Every structure is written in C-alpha cells, then in structure tokens.
C-alpha cells in the first residue's frame, strides 16, 4: 500500500497534478523614441519609465525591458537651443512596444 501511495504521488508530481506550476513572468521590450518638432531625434534626452532611467542615443532612442503593466514614460531633453519635456501613460503587454515622445519647446516667457 505504501508503495502504491508513493508511486501515485510521484506520478501526480510528474504530470503536474495537484502541484503549483511556476510560470515565468513575461517581459516586454519597449523602445522609446524621443523627437523634437520636425521629427529630429533628440540625443542625450533623459528618459524614465517606472523606476528605470536611461538617456537616448544619437538616433533619439533607448530600450527598456520591463514586466507587463501600466507605466508613465517621461522624456526631457534639449535640441538646437530649445528644451522640452513630455510624459505619456502606456500599458505594456505582449513582447514588444514602441513609444514616440515628441518634445515641444518649453516657453521661457509669456507673451
């Protein structure tokens, strides 16, 4: 009887019956592209998403890999003597996502 119980337990574990199955958490690769007015890439823009931060390369992009969920992406940068910043809420799901943030000139004076 003891051998039958041991065999049944081993078979159940082998088939995954009654045992919790650890599921690997998915991750989403998100490419952030920061552009200025006129679609010019903004190099060295500071980008944050969740608790992570990076700066953009020459092509105005940086890449993050994060768990699926809701995030706020923010970018702040300077180009051609102007500066700007923008934030956007995004939902990451699936495996890949692109986010384009267009920076506007930060007004220095009010007309």
PDB file of N, CA and C in Angstrom:
ATOM      1  N   UNK A   1       0.829  -1.190   0.000  1.00  0.00           N
ATOM      2  CA  UNK A   1       0.000   0.000   0.000  1.00  0.00           C
ATOM      3  C   UNK A   1       0.870   1.249   0.000  1.00  0.00           C
ATOM      4  N   UNK A   2       1.954   1.218   0.803  1.00  0.00           N
ATOM      5  CA  UNK A   2       2.836   2.368   0.880  1.00  0.00           C
ATOM      6  C   UNK A   2       3.513   2.621  -0.467  1.00  0.00           C
ATOM      7  N   UNK A   3       3.875   1.534  -1.161  1.00  0.00           N
ATOM      8  CA  UNK A   3       4.496   1.678  -2.474  1.00  0.00           C
ATOM      9  C   UNK A   3       3.517   2.287  -3.473  1.00  0.00           C
ATOM     10  N   UNK A   4       2.245   1.918  -3.400  1.00  0.00           N
ATOM     11  CA  UNK A   4       1.224   2.458  -4.300  1.00  0.00           C
ATOM     12  C   UNK A   4       1.035   3.956  -4.065  1.00  0.00           C
ATOM     13  N   UNK A   5       1.038   4.357  -2.796  1.00  0.00           N
ATOM     14  CA  UNK A   5       0.885   5.776  -2.469  1.00  0.00           C
ATOM     15  C   UNK A   5       2.085   6.572  -2.961  1.00  0.00           C
ATOM     16  N   UNK A   6       3.281   6.037  -2.785  1.00  0.00           N
ATOM     17  CA  UNK A   6       4.495   6.693  -3.251  1.00  0.00           C
ATOM     18  C   UNK A   6       4.484   6.797  -4.773  1.00  0.00           C
ATOM     19  N   UNK A   7       4.083   5.741  -5.449  1.00  0.00           N
ATOM     20  CA  UNK A   7       4.001   5.733  -6.909  1.00  0.00           C
ATOM     21  C   UNK A   7       2.969   6.741  -7.400  1.00  0.00           C
ATOM     22  N   UNK A   8       1.823   6.798  -6.749  1.00  0.00           N
ATOM     23  CA  UNK A   8       0.770   7.740  -7.140  1.00  0.00           C
ATOM     24  C   UNK A   8       1.235   9.183  -6.940  1.00  0.00           C
ATOM     25  N   UNK A   9       1.935   9.456  -5.848  1.00  0.00           N
ATOM     26  CA  UNK A   9       2.447  10.794  -5.583  1.00  0.00           C
ATOM     27  C   UNK A   9       3.479  11.196  -6.634  1.00  0.00           C
ATOM     28  N   UNK A  10       4.383  10.303  -6.953  1.00  0.00           N
ATOM     29  CA  UNK A  10       5.407  10.585  -7.971  1.00  0.00           C
ATOM     30  C   UNK A  10       4.771  10.829  -9.326  1.00  0.00           C
ATOM     31  N   UNK A  11       3.777  10.016  -9.673  1.00  0.00           N
ATOM     32  CA  UNK A  11       3.084  10.173 -10.948  1.00  0.00           C
ATOM     33  C   UNK A  11       2.337  11.506 -10.996  1.00  0.00           C
ATOM     34  N   UNK A  12       1.687  11.881  -9.916  1.00  0.00           N
ATOM     35  CA  UNK A  12       0.957  13.152  -9.861  1.00  0.00           C
ATOM     36  C   UNK A  12       1.914  14.329 -10.022  1.00  0.00           C
ATOM     37  N   UNK A  13       3.059  14.268  -9.345  1.00  0.00           N
ATOM     38  CA  UNK A  13       4.035  15.350  -9.475  1.00  0.00           C
ATOM     39  C   UNK A  13       4.618  15.397 -10.885  1.00  0.00           C
ATOM     40  N   UNK A  14       4.857  14.239 -11.469  1.00  0.00           N
ATOM     41  CA  UNK A  14       5.384  14.168 -12.825  1.00  0.00           C
ATOM     42  C   UNK A  14       4.402  14.765 -13.827  1.00  0.00           C
ATOM     43  N   UNK A  15       3.114  14.497 -13.648  1.00  0.00           N
ATOM     44  CA  UNK A  15       2.088  15.011 -14.561  1.00  0.00           C
ATOM     45  C   UNK A  15       1.648  16.417 -14.205  1.00  0.00           C
ATOM     46  N   UNK A  16       2.109  16.931 -13.066  1.00  0.00           N
ATOM     47  CA  UNK A  16       1.733  18.282 -12.671  1.00  0.00           C
ATOM     48  C   UNK A  16       0.372  18.368 -12.029  1.00  0.00           C
ATOM     49  N   UNK A  17      -0.157  17.256 -11.578  1.00  0.00           N
ATOM     50  CA  UNK A  17      -1.474  17.244 -10.949  1.00  0.00           C
ATOM     51  C   UNK A  17      -1.322  17.606  -9.484  1.00  0.00           C
ATOM     52  N   UNK A  18      -2.044  18.608  -9.051  1.00  0.00           N
ATOM     53  CA  UNK A  18      -2.051  18.985  -7.653  1.00  0.00           C
ATOM     54  C   UNK A  18      -0.841  19.767  -7.197  1.00  0.00           C
ATOM     55  N   UNK A  19       0.065  20.045  -8.086  1.00  0.00           N
ATOM     56  CA  UNK A  19       1.251  20.813  -7.712  1.00  0.00           C
ATOM     57  C   UNK A  19       1.209  22.167  -8.420  1.00  0.00           C
ATOM     58  N   UNK A  20       1.489  23.241  -7.695  1.00  0.00           N
ATOM     59  CA  UNK A  20       1.502  24.549  -8.358  1.00  0.00           C
ATOM     60  C   UNK A  20       2.621  24.601  -9.388  1.00  0.00           C
ATOM     61  N   UNK A  21       2.308  25.211 -10.500  1.00  0.00           N
ATOM     62  CA  UNK A  21       3.283  25.325 -11.572  1.00  0.00           C
ATOM     63  C   UNK A  21       3.807  26.753 -11.598  1.00  0.00           C
ATOM     64  N   UNK A  22       5.110  26.894 -11.486  1.00  0.00           N
ATOM     65  CA  UNK A  22       5.718  28.230 -11.527  1.00  0.00           C
ATOM     66  C   UNK A  22       5.756  28.701 -12.975  1.00  0.00           C
ATOM     67  N   UNK A  23       5.094  29.810 -13.240  1.00  0.00           N
ATOM     68  CA  UNK A  23       5.053  30.360 -14.587  1.00  0.00           C
ATOM     69  C   UNK A  23       6.064  31.493 -14.667  1.00  0.00           C
ATOM     70  N   UNK A  24       6.915  31.446 -15.679  1.00  0.00           N
ATOM     71  CA  UNK A  24       7.902  32.504 -15.866  1.00  0.00           C
ATOM     72  C   UNK A  24       7.172  33.800 -16.212  1.00  0.00           C
ATOM     73  N   UNK A  25       7.582  34.865 -15.551  1.00  0.00           N
ATOM     74  CA  UNK A  25       6.959  36.155 -15.805  1.00  0.00           C
ATOM     75  C   UNK A  25       7.394  36.665 -17.169  1.00  0.00           C
ATOM     76  N   UNK A  26       6.417  37.125 -17.922  1.00  0.00           N
ATOM     77  CA  UNK A  26       6.710  37.681 -19.231  1.00  0.00           C
ATOM     78  C   UNK A  26       7.452  38.995 -19.069  1.00  0.00           C
ATOM     79  N   UNK A  27       8.127  39.396 -20.112  1.00  0.00           N
ATOM     80  CA  UNK A  27       8.723  40.720 -20.120  1.00  0.00           C
ATOM     81  C   UNK A  27       8.415  41.371 -21.457  1.00  0.00           C
ATOM     82  N   UNK A  28       8.346  42.684 -21.439  1.00  0.00           N
ATOM     83  CA  UNK A  28       8.030  43.461 -22.631  1.00  0.00           C
ATOM     84  C   UNK A  28       9.238  44.339 -22.941  1.00  0.00           C
ATOM     85  N   UNK A  29       9.695  44.292 -24.178  1.00  0.00           N
ATOM     86  CA  UNK A  29      10.760  45.186 -24.624  1.00  0.00           C
ATOM     87  C   UNK A  29      10.096  46.413 -25.213  1.00  0.00           C
ATOM     88  N   UNK A  30      10.414  47.571 -24.646  1.00  0.00           N
ATOM     89  CA  UNK A  30       9.824  48.822 -25.121  1.00  0.00           C
ATOM     90  C   UNK A  30      10.938  49.736 -25.607  1.00  0.00           C
ATOM     91  N   UNK A  31      10.788  50.202 -26.843  1.00  0.00           N
ATOM     92  CA  UNK A  31      11.745  51.156 -27.400  1.00  0.00           C
ATOM     93  C   UNK A  31      11.107  52.536 -27.337  1.00  0.00           C
ATOM     94  N   UNK A  32      11.791  53.455 -26.657  1.00  0.00           N
ATOM     95  CA  UNK A  32      11.335  54.839 -26.534  1.00  0.00           C
ATOM     96  C   UNK A  32      12.091  55.661 -27.570  1.00  0.00           C
ATOM     97  N   UNK A  33      11.357  56.419 -28.374  1.00  0.00           N
ATOM     98  CA  UNK A  33      11.966  57.288 -29.370  1.00  0.00           C
ATOM     99  C   UNK A  33      11.577  58.720 -29.040  1.00  0.00           C
ATOM    100  N   UNK A  34      12.577  59.574 -28.833  1.00  0.00           N
ATOM    101  CA  UNK A  34      12.338  60.967 -28.463  1.00  0.00           C
ATOM    102  C   UNK A  34      12.709  61.836 -29.659  1.00  0.00           C
ATOM    103  N   UNK A  35      11.729  62.637 -30.098  1.00  0.00           N
ATOM    104  CA  UNK A  35      11.960  63.529 -31.236  1.00  0.00           C
ATOM    105  C   UNK A  35      11.577  64.952 -30.874  1.00  0.00           C
ATOM    106  N   UNK A  36      12.159  65.900 -31.595  1.00  0.00           N
ATOM    107  CA  UNK A  36      11.800  67.308 -31.453  1.00  0.00           C
ATOM    108  C   UNK A  36      10.782  67.634 -32.539  1.00  0.00           C
ATOM    109  N   UNK A  37      10.311  68.851 -32.536  1.00  0.00           N
ATOM    110  CA  UNK A  37       9.419  69.277 -33.610  1.00  0.00           C
ATOM    111  C   UNK A  37      10.127  69.061 -34.944  1.00  0.00           C
ATOM    112  N   UNK A  38       9.420  68.539 -35.917  1.00  0.00           N
ATOM    113  CA  UNK A  38      10.031  68.265 -37.205  1.00  0.00           C
ATOM    114  C   UNK A  38      10.663  66.895 -37.283  1.00  0.00           C
ATOM    115  N   UNK A  39      10.396  66.029 -36.309  1.00  0.00           N
ATOM    116  CA  UNK A  39      10.867  64.638 -36.287  1.00  0.00           C
ATOM    117  C   UNK A  39      12.376  64.468 -36.153  1.00  0.00           C
ATOM    118  N   UNK A  40      13.079  65.479 -35.665  1.00  0.00           N
ATOM    119  CA  UNK A  40      14.525  65.348 -35.438  1.00  0.00           C
ATOM    120  C   UNK A  40      14.759  64.562 -34.155  1.00  0.00           C
ATOM    121  N   UNK A  41      15.624  63.531 -34.185  1.00  0.00           N
ATOM    122  CA  UNK A  41      15.890  62.771 -32.963  1.00  0.00           C
ATOM    123  C   UNK A  41      16.599  63.632 -31.926  1.00  0.00           C
ATOM    124  N   UNK A  42      16.258  63.434 -30.672  1.00  0.00           N
ATOM    125  CA  UNK A  42      16.868  64.184 -29.574  1.00  0.00           C
ATOM    126  C   UNK A  42      17.881  63.268 -28.878  1.00  0.00           C
ATOM    127  N   UNK A  43      19.156  63.586 -29.053  1.00  0.00           N
ATOM    128  CA  UNK A  43      20.240  62.829 -28.434  1.00  0.00           C
ATOM    129  C   UNK A  43      20.393  63.254 -26.967  1.00  0.00           C
ATOM    130  N   UNK A  44      20.746  62.322 -26.116  1.00  0.00           N
ATOM    131  CA  UNK A  44      21.002  62.553 -24.690  1.00  0.00           C
ATOM    132  C   UNK A  44      19.786  63.060 -23.915  1.00  0.00           C
ATOM    133  N   UNK A  45      18.585  62.751 -24.381  1.00  0.00           N
ATOM    134  CA  UNK A  45      17.381  63.092 -23.608  1.00  0.00           C
ATOM    135  C   UNK A  45      17.294  62.136 -22.425  1.00  0.00           C
ATOM    136  N   UNK A  46      16.886  62.636 -21.281  1.00  0.00           N
ATOM    137  CA  UNK A  46      16.698  61.803 -20.091  1.00  0.00           C
ATOM    138  C   UNK A  46      15.325  61.151 -20.178  1.00  0.00           C
ATOM    139  N   UNK A  47      15.285  59.823 -20.109  1.00  0.00           N
ATOM    140  CA  UNK A  47      14.036  59.075 -20.226  1.00  0.00           C
ATOM    141  C   UNK A  47      13.846  58.249 -18.958  1.00  0.00           C
ATOM    142  N   UNK A  48      12.639  58.305 -18.399  1.00  0.00           N
ATOM    143  CA  UNK A  48      12.292  57.467 -17.249  1.00  0.00           C
ATOM    144  C   UNK A  48      11.027  56.686 -17.575  1.00  0.00           C
ATOM    145  N   UNK A  49      10.989  55.467 -17.089  1.00  0.00           N
ATOM    146  CA  UNK A  49       9.778  54.643 -17.169  1.00  0.00           C
ATOM    147  C   UNK A  49       9.770  53.787 -15.907  1.00  0.00           C
ATOM    148  N   UNK A  50       8.725  53.941 -15.139  1.00  0.00           N
ATOM    149  CA  UNK A  50       8.696  53.265 -13.836  1.00  0.00           C
ATOM    150  C   UNK A  50       9.847  53.763 -12.990  1.00  0.00           C
ATOM    151  N   UNK A  51      10.636  52.853 -12.432  1.00  0.00           N
ATOM    152  CA  UNK A  51      11.773  53.248 -11.599  1.00  0.00           C
ATOM    153  C   UNK A  51      13.091  53.176 -12.363  1.00  0.00           C
ATOM    154  N   UNK A  52      13.016  53.051 -13.681  1.00  0.00           N
ATOM    155  CA  UNK A  52      14.218  52.940 -14.502  1.00  0.00           C
ATOM    156  C   UNK A  52      14.455  54.224 -15.277  1.00  0.00           C
ATOM    157  N   UNK A  53      15.733  54.483 -15.575  1.00  0.00           N
ATOM    158  CA  UNK A  53      16.064  55.669 -16.368  1.00  0.00           C
ATOM    159  C   UNK A  53      17.250  55.384 -17.278  1.00  0.00           C
ATOM    160  N   UNK A  54      17.300  56.145 -18.377  1.00  0.00           N
ATOM    161  CA  UNK A  54      18.360  55.987 -19.367  1.00  0.00           C
ATOM    162  C   UNK A  54      18.414  57.283 -20.170  1.00  0.00           C
ATOM    163  N   UNK A  55      19.403  57.390 -21.042  1.00  0.00           N
ATOM    164  CA  UNK A  55      19.478  58.529 -21.957  1.00  0.00           C
ATOM    165  C   UNK A  55      19.451  58.001 -23.392  1.00  0.00           C
ATOM    166  N   UNK A  56      18.942  58.831 -24.282  1.00  0.00           N
ATOM    167  CA  UNK A  56      18.811  58.420 -25.672  1.00  0.00           C
ATOM    168  C   UNK A  56      20.152  58.486 -26.394  1.00  0.00           C
ATOM    169  N   UNK A  57      20.263  57.654 -27.401  1.00  0.00           N
ATOM    170  CA  UNK A  57      21.465  57.609 -28.236  1.00  0.00           C
ATOM    171  C   UNK A  57      21.342  58.635 -29.367  1.00  0.00           C
ATOM    172  N   UNK A  58      22.262  58.607 -30.313  1.00  0.00           N
ATOM    173  CA  UNK A  58      22.246  59.553 -31.441  1.00  0.00           C
ATOM    174  C   UNK A  58      20.935  59.532 -32.222  1.00  0.00           C
ATOM    175  N   UNK A  59      20.305  58.355 -32.297  1.00  0.00           N
ATOM    176  CA  UNK A  59      19.059  58.238 -33.058  1.00  0.00           C
ATOM    177  C   UNK A  59      17.820  58.596 -32.232  1.00  0.00           C
ATOM    178  N   UNK A  60      18.016  59.089 -31.016  1.00  0.00           N
ATOM    179  CA  UNK A  60      16.904  59.515 -30.161  1.00  0.00           C
ATOM    180  C   UNK A  60      16.181  58.385 -29.461  1.00  0.00           C
ATOM    181  N   UNK A  61      16.790  57.191 -29.411  1.00  0.00           N
ATOM    182  CA  UNK A  61      16.069  56.062 -28.812  1.00  0.00           C
ATOM    183  C   UNK A  61      16.835  55.432 -27.658  1.00  0.00           C
ATOM    184  N   UNK A  62      16.082  54.743 -26.827  1.00  0.00           N
ATOM    185  CA  UNK A  62      16.633  53.890 -25.783  1.00  0.00           C
ATOM    186  C   UNK A  62      15.646  52.735 -25.588  1.00  0.00           C
ATOM    187  N   UNK A  63      16.132  51.644 -24.996  1.00  0.00           N
ATOM    188  CA  UNK A  63      15.331  50.426 -24.884  1.00  0.00           C
ATOM    189  C   UNK A  63      15.289  49.975 -23.426  1.00  0.00           C
ATOM    190  N   UNK A  64      14.103  49.549 -22.998  1.00  0.00           N
ATOM    191  CA  UNK A  64      13.896  49.008 -21.660  1.00  0.00           C
ATOM    192  C   UNK A  64      13.222  47.647 -21.785  1.00  0.00           C
ATOM    193  N   UNK A  65      13.470  46.762 -20.837  1.00  0.00           N
ATOM    194  CA  UNK A  65      12.748  45.502 -20.732  1.00  0.00           C
ATOM    195  C   UNK A  65      12.105  45.472 -19.356  1.00  0.00           C
ATOM    196  N   UNK A  66      10.776  45.403 -19.342  1.00  0.00           N
ATOM    197  CA  UNK A  66      10.006  45.517 -18.109  1.00  0.00           C
ATOM    198  C   UNK A  66       8.905  44.467 -18.057  1.00  0.00           C
ATOM    199  N   UNK A  67       8.386  44.185 -16.865  1.00  0.00           N
ATOM    200  CA  UNK A  67       7.223  43.307 -16.767  1.00  0.00           C
ATOM    201  C   UNK A  67       5.993  44.020 -17.346  1.00  0.00           C
ATOM    202  N   UNK A  68       5.014  43.270 -17.823  1.00  0.00           N
ATOM    203  CA  UNK A  68       3.789  43.901 -18.317  1.00  0.00           C
ATOM    204  C   UNK A  68       3.144  44.740 -17.225  1.00  0.00           C
ATOM    205  N   UNK A  69       2.449  45.793 -17.634  1.00  0.00           N
ATOM    206  CA  UNK A  69       1.755  46.640 -16.672  1.00  0.00           C
ATOM    207  C   UNK A  69       1.589  48.049 -17.186  1.00  0.00           C
ATOM    208  N   UNK A  70       1.088  48.907 -16.310  1.00  0.00           N
ATOM    209  CA  UNK A  70       0.860  50.318 -16.633  1.00  0.00           C
ATOM    210  C   UNK A  70       2.029  51.149 -16.125  1.00  0.00           C
ATOM    211  N   UNK A  71       2.524  52.032 -16.983  1.00  0.00           N
ATOM    212  CA  UNK A  71       3.680  52.867 -16.666  1.00  0.00           C
ATOM    213  C   UNK A  71       3.454  54.282 -17.178  1.00  0.00           C
ATOM    214  N   UNK A  72       4.243  55.204 -16.641  1.00  0.00           N
ATOM    215  CA  UNK A  72       4.335  56.553 -17.183  1.00  0.00           C
ATOM    216  C   UNK A  72       5.741  56.720 -17.722  1.00  0.00           C
ATOM    217  N   UNK A  73       5.835  57.084 -19.004  1.00  0.00           N
ATOM    218  CA  UNK A  73       7.119  57.314 -19.665  1.00  0.00           C
ATOM    219  C   UNK A  73       7.308  58.821 -19.741  1.00  0.00           C
ATOM    220  N   UNK A  74       8.469  59.314 -19.302  1.00  0.00           N
ATOM    221  CA  UNK A  74       8.775  60.740 -19.367  1.00  0.00           C
ATOM    222  C   UNK A  74      10.118  60.942 -20.060  1.00  0.00           C
ATOM    223  N   UNK A  75      10.192  62.012 -20.861  1.00  0.00           N
ATOM    224  CA  UNK A  75      11.441  62.369 -21.525  1.00  0.00           C
ATOM    225  C   UNK A  75      11.650  63.868 -21.383  1.00  0.00           C
ATOM    226  N   UNK A  76      12.918  64.243 -21.197  1.00  0.00           N
ATOM    227  CA  UNK A  76      13.283  65.646 -21.068  1.00  0.00           C
ATOM    228  C   UNK A  76      14.591  65.832 -21.824  1.00  0.00           C
ATOM    229  N   UNK A  77      14.628  66.818 -22.712  1.00  0.00           N
ATOM    230  CA  UNK A  77      15.841  66.993 -23.492  1.00  0.00           C
ATOM    231  C   UNK A  77      15.985  68.379 -24.063  1.00  0.00           C
ATOM    232  N   UNK A  78      17.143  68.604 -24.666  1.00  0.00           N
ATOM    233  CA  UNK A  78      17.461  69.884 -25.304  1.00  0.00           C
ATOM    234  C   UNK A  78      17.912  69.621 -26.731  1.00  0.00           C
ATOM    235  N   UNK A  79      17.592  70.533 -27.618  1.00  0.00           N
ATOM    236  CA  UNK A  79      17.997  70.448 -29.013  1.00  0.00           C
ATOM    237  C   UNK A  79      17.982  71.844 -29.617  1.00  0.00           C
ATOM    238  N   UNK A  80      18.982  72.159 -30.390  1.00  0.00           N
ATOM    239  CA  UNK A  80      19.024  73.425 -31.115  1.00  0.00           C
ATOM    240  C   UNK A  80      18.729  74.661 -30.280  1.00  0.00           C
ATOM    241  N   UNK A  81      19.210  74.712 -29.052  1.00  0.00           N
ATOM    242  CA  UNK A  81      18.961  75.868 -28.193  1.00  0.00           C
ATOM    243  C   UNK A  81      17.586  75.870 -27.540  1.00  0.00           C
ATOM    244  N   UNK A  82      16.790  74.841 -27.748  1.00  0.00           N
ATOM    245  CA  UNK A  82      15.462  74.737 -27.134  1.00  0.00           C
ATOM    246  C   UNK A  82      15.444  73.549 -26.183  1.00  0.00           C
ATOM    247  N   UNK A  83      14.429  73.495 -25.341  1.00  0.00           N
ATOM    248  CA  UNK A  83      14.273  72.358 -24.439  1.00  0.00           C
ATOM    249  C   UNK A  83      12.800  72.018 -24.316  1.00  0.00           C
ATOM    250  N   UNK A  84      12.541  70.807 -23.882  1.00  0.00           N
ATOM    251  CA  UNK A  84      11.155  70.389 -23.708  1.00  0.00           C
ATOM    252  C   UNK A  84      11.077  69.109 -22.926  1.00  0.00           C
ATOM    253  N   UNK A  85       9.872  68.786 -22.543  1.00  0.00           N
ATOM    254  CA  UNK A  85       9.634  67.544 -21.830  1.00  0.00           C
ATOM    255  C   UNK A  85       8.224  67.062 -22.111  1.00  0.00           C
ATOM    256  N   UNK A  86       8.040  65.761 -21.980  1.00  0.00           N
ATOM    257  CA  UNK A  86       6.716  65.181 -22.203  1.00  0.00           C
ATOM    258  C   UNK A  86       6.619  63.882 -21.433  1.00  0.00           C
ATOM    259  N   UNK A  87       5.424  63.609 -20.907  1.00  0.00           N
ATOM    260  CA  UNK A  87       5.122  62.343 -20.246  1.00  0.00           C
ATOM    261  C   UNK A  87       3.905  61.720 -20.920  1.00  0.00           C
ATOM    262  N   UNK A  88       3.872  60.404 -20.921  1.00  0.00           N
ATOM    263  CA  UNK A  88       2.758  59.689 -21.539  1.00  0.00           C
ATOM    264  C   UNK A  88       2.530  58.394 -20.777  1.00  0.00           C
ATOM    265  N   UNK A  89       1.269  58.083 -20.497  1.00  0.00           N
ATOM    266  CA  UNK A  89       0.919  56.816 -19.855  1.00  0.00           C
ATOM    267  C   UNK A  89       0.861  55.729 -20.916  1.00  0.00           C
ATOM    268  N   UNK A  90       1.428  54.562 -20.602  1.00  0.00           N
ATOM    269  CA  UNK A  90       1.429  53.427 -21.529  1.00  0.00           C
ATOM    270  C   UNK A  90       1.081  52.150 -20.778  1.00  0.00           C
ATOM    271  N   UNK A  91       0.489  51.212 -21.484  1.00  0.00           N
ATOM    272  CA  UNK A  91       0.253  49.877 -20.968  1.00  0.00           C
ATOM    273  C   UNK A  91       1.132  48.931 -21.756  1.00  0.00           C
ATOM    274  N   UNK A  92       2.021  48.236 -21.064  1.00  0.00           N
ATOM    275  CA  UNK A  92       2.921  47.297 -21.716  1.00  0.00           C
ATOM    276  C   UNK A  92       2.340  45.899 -21.617  1.00  0.00           C
ATOM    277  N   UNK A  93       2.169  45.279 -22.774  1.00  0.00           N
ATOM    278  CA  UNK A  93       1.731  43.887 -22.844  1.00  0.00           C
ATOM    279  C   UNK A  93       2.248  43.317 -24.151  1.00  0.00           C
ATOM    280  N   UNK A  94       2.254  42.003 -24.256  1.00  0.00           N
ATOM    281  CA  UNK A  94       2.835  41.375 -25.435  1.00  0.00           C
ATOM    282  C   UNK A  94       4.332  41.265 -25.258  1.00  0.00           C
ATOM    283  N   UNK A  95       5.076  41.372 -26.353  1.00  0.00           N
ATOM    284  CA  UNK A  95       6.525  41.228 -26.240  1.00  0.00           C
ATOM    285  C   UNK A  95       7.290  42.482 -26.646  1.00  0.00           C
ATOM    286  N   UNK A  96       6.736  43.300 -27.534  1.00  0.00           N
ATOM    287  CA  UNK A  96       7.431  44.498 -27.999  1.00  0.00           C
ATOM    288  C   UNK A  96       6.474  45.680 -28.073  1.00  0.00           C
ATOM    289  N   UNK A  97       7.029  46.864 -27.824  1.00  0.00           N
ATOM    290  CA  UNK A  97       6.209  48.071 -27.869  1.00  0.00           C
ATOM    291  C   UNK A  97       7.103  49.241 -28.246  1.00  0.00           C
ATOM    292  N   UNK A  98       6.590  50.170 -29.046  1.00  0.00           N
ATOM    293  CA  UNK A  98       7.289  51.395 -29.404  1.00  0.00           C
ATOM    294  C   UNK A  98       6.500  52.572 -28.859  1.00  0.00           C
ATOM    295  N   UNK A  99       7.214  53.537 -28.285  1.00  0.00           N
ATOM    296  CA  UNK A  99       6.593  54.761 -27.786  1.00  0.00           C
ATOM    297  C   UNK A  99       7.385  55.923 -28.357  1.00  0.00           C
ATOM    298  N   UNK A 100       6.695  56.844 -29.018  1.00  0.00           N
ATOM    299  CA  UNK A 100       7.336  58.033 -29.570  1.00  0.00           C
ATOM    300  C   UNK A 100       6.866  59.228 -28.756  1.00  0.00           C
ATOM    301  N   UNK A 101       7.827  59.978 -28.207  1.00  0.00           N
ATOM    302  CA  UNK A 101       7.518  61.190 -27.455  1.00  0.00           C
ATOM    303  C   UNK A 101       8.062  62.376 -28.229  1.00  0.00           C
ATOM    304  N   UNK A 102       7.185  63.293 -28.593  1.00  0.00           N
ATOM    305  CA  UNK A 102       7.601  64.495 -29.309  1.00  0.00           C
ATOM    306  C   UNK A 102       7.697  65.640 -28.308  1.00  0.00           C
ATOM    307  N   UNK A 103       8.903  66.180 -28.166  1.00  0.00           N
ATOM    308  CA  UNK A 103       9.129  67.270 -27.220  1.00  0.00           C
ATOM    309  C   UNK A 103       8.780  68.597 -27.875  1.00  0.00           C
ATOM    310  N   UNK A 104       8.218  69.477 -27.107  1.00  0.00           N
ATOM    311  CA  UNK A 104       7.905  70.819 -27.581  1.00  0.00           C
ATOM    312  C   UNK A 104       8.807  71.802 -26.861  1.00  0.00           C
ATOM    313  N   UNK A 105       8.958  72.970 -27.440  1.00  0.00           N
ATOM    314  CA  UNK A 105       9.784  73.989 -26.800  1.00  0.00           C
ATOM    315  C   UNK A 105       9.135  74.413 -25.495  1.00  0.00           C
ATOM    316  N   UNK A 106       9.953  74.467 -24.454  1.00  0.00           N
ATOM    317  CA  UNK A 106       9.468  74.924 -23.154  1.00  0.00           C
ATOM    318  C   UNK A 106       9.416  76.454 -23.190  1.00  0.00           C
ATOM    319  N   UNK A 107       8.233  77.036 -23.008  1.00  0.00           N
ATOM    320  CA  UNK A 107       8.142  78.501 -23.080  1.00  0.00           C
ATOM    321  C   UNK A 107       8.903  79.146 -21.937  1.00  0.00           C
ATOM    322  N   UNK A 108       9.753  80.105 -22.287  1.00  0.00           N
ATOM    323  CA  UNK A 108      10.535  80.801 -21.258  1.00  0.00           C
ATOM    324  C   UNK A 108       9.847  82.083 -20.812  1.00  0.00           C
ATOM    325  N   UNK A 109       9.017  82.625 -21.630  1.00  0.00           N
ATOM    326  CA  UNK A 109       8.266  83.834 -21.264  1.00  0.00           C
ATOM    327  C   UNK A 109       6.833  83.709 -21.752  1.00  0.00           C
ATOM    328  N   UNK A 110       5.973  84.474 -21.155  1.00  0.00           N
ATOM    329  CA  UNK A 110       4.574  84.512 -21.586  1.00  0.00           C
ATOM    330  C   UNK A 110       4.384  85.772 -22.408  1.00  0.00           C
ATOM    331  N   UNK A 111       3.744  85.645 -23.557  1.00  0.00           N
ATOM    332  CA  UNK A 111       3.551  86.812 -24.436  1.00  0.00           C
ATOM    333  C   UNK A 111       2.478  87.710 -23.917  1.00  0.00           C
TER     334      UNK A 111
END
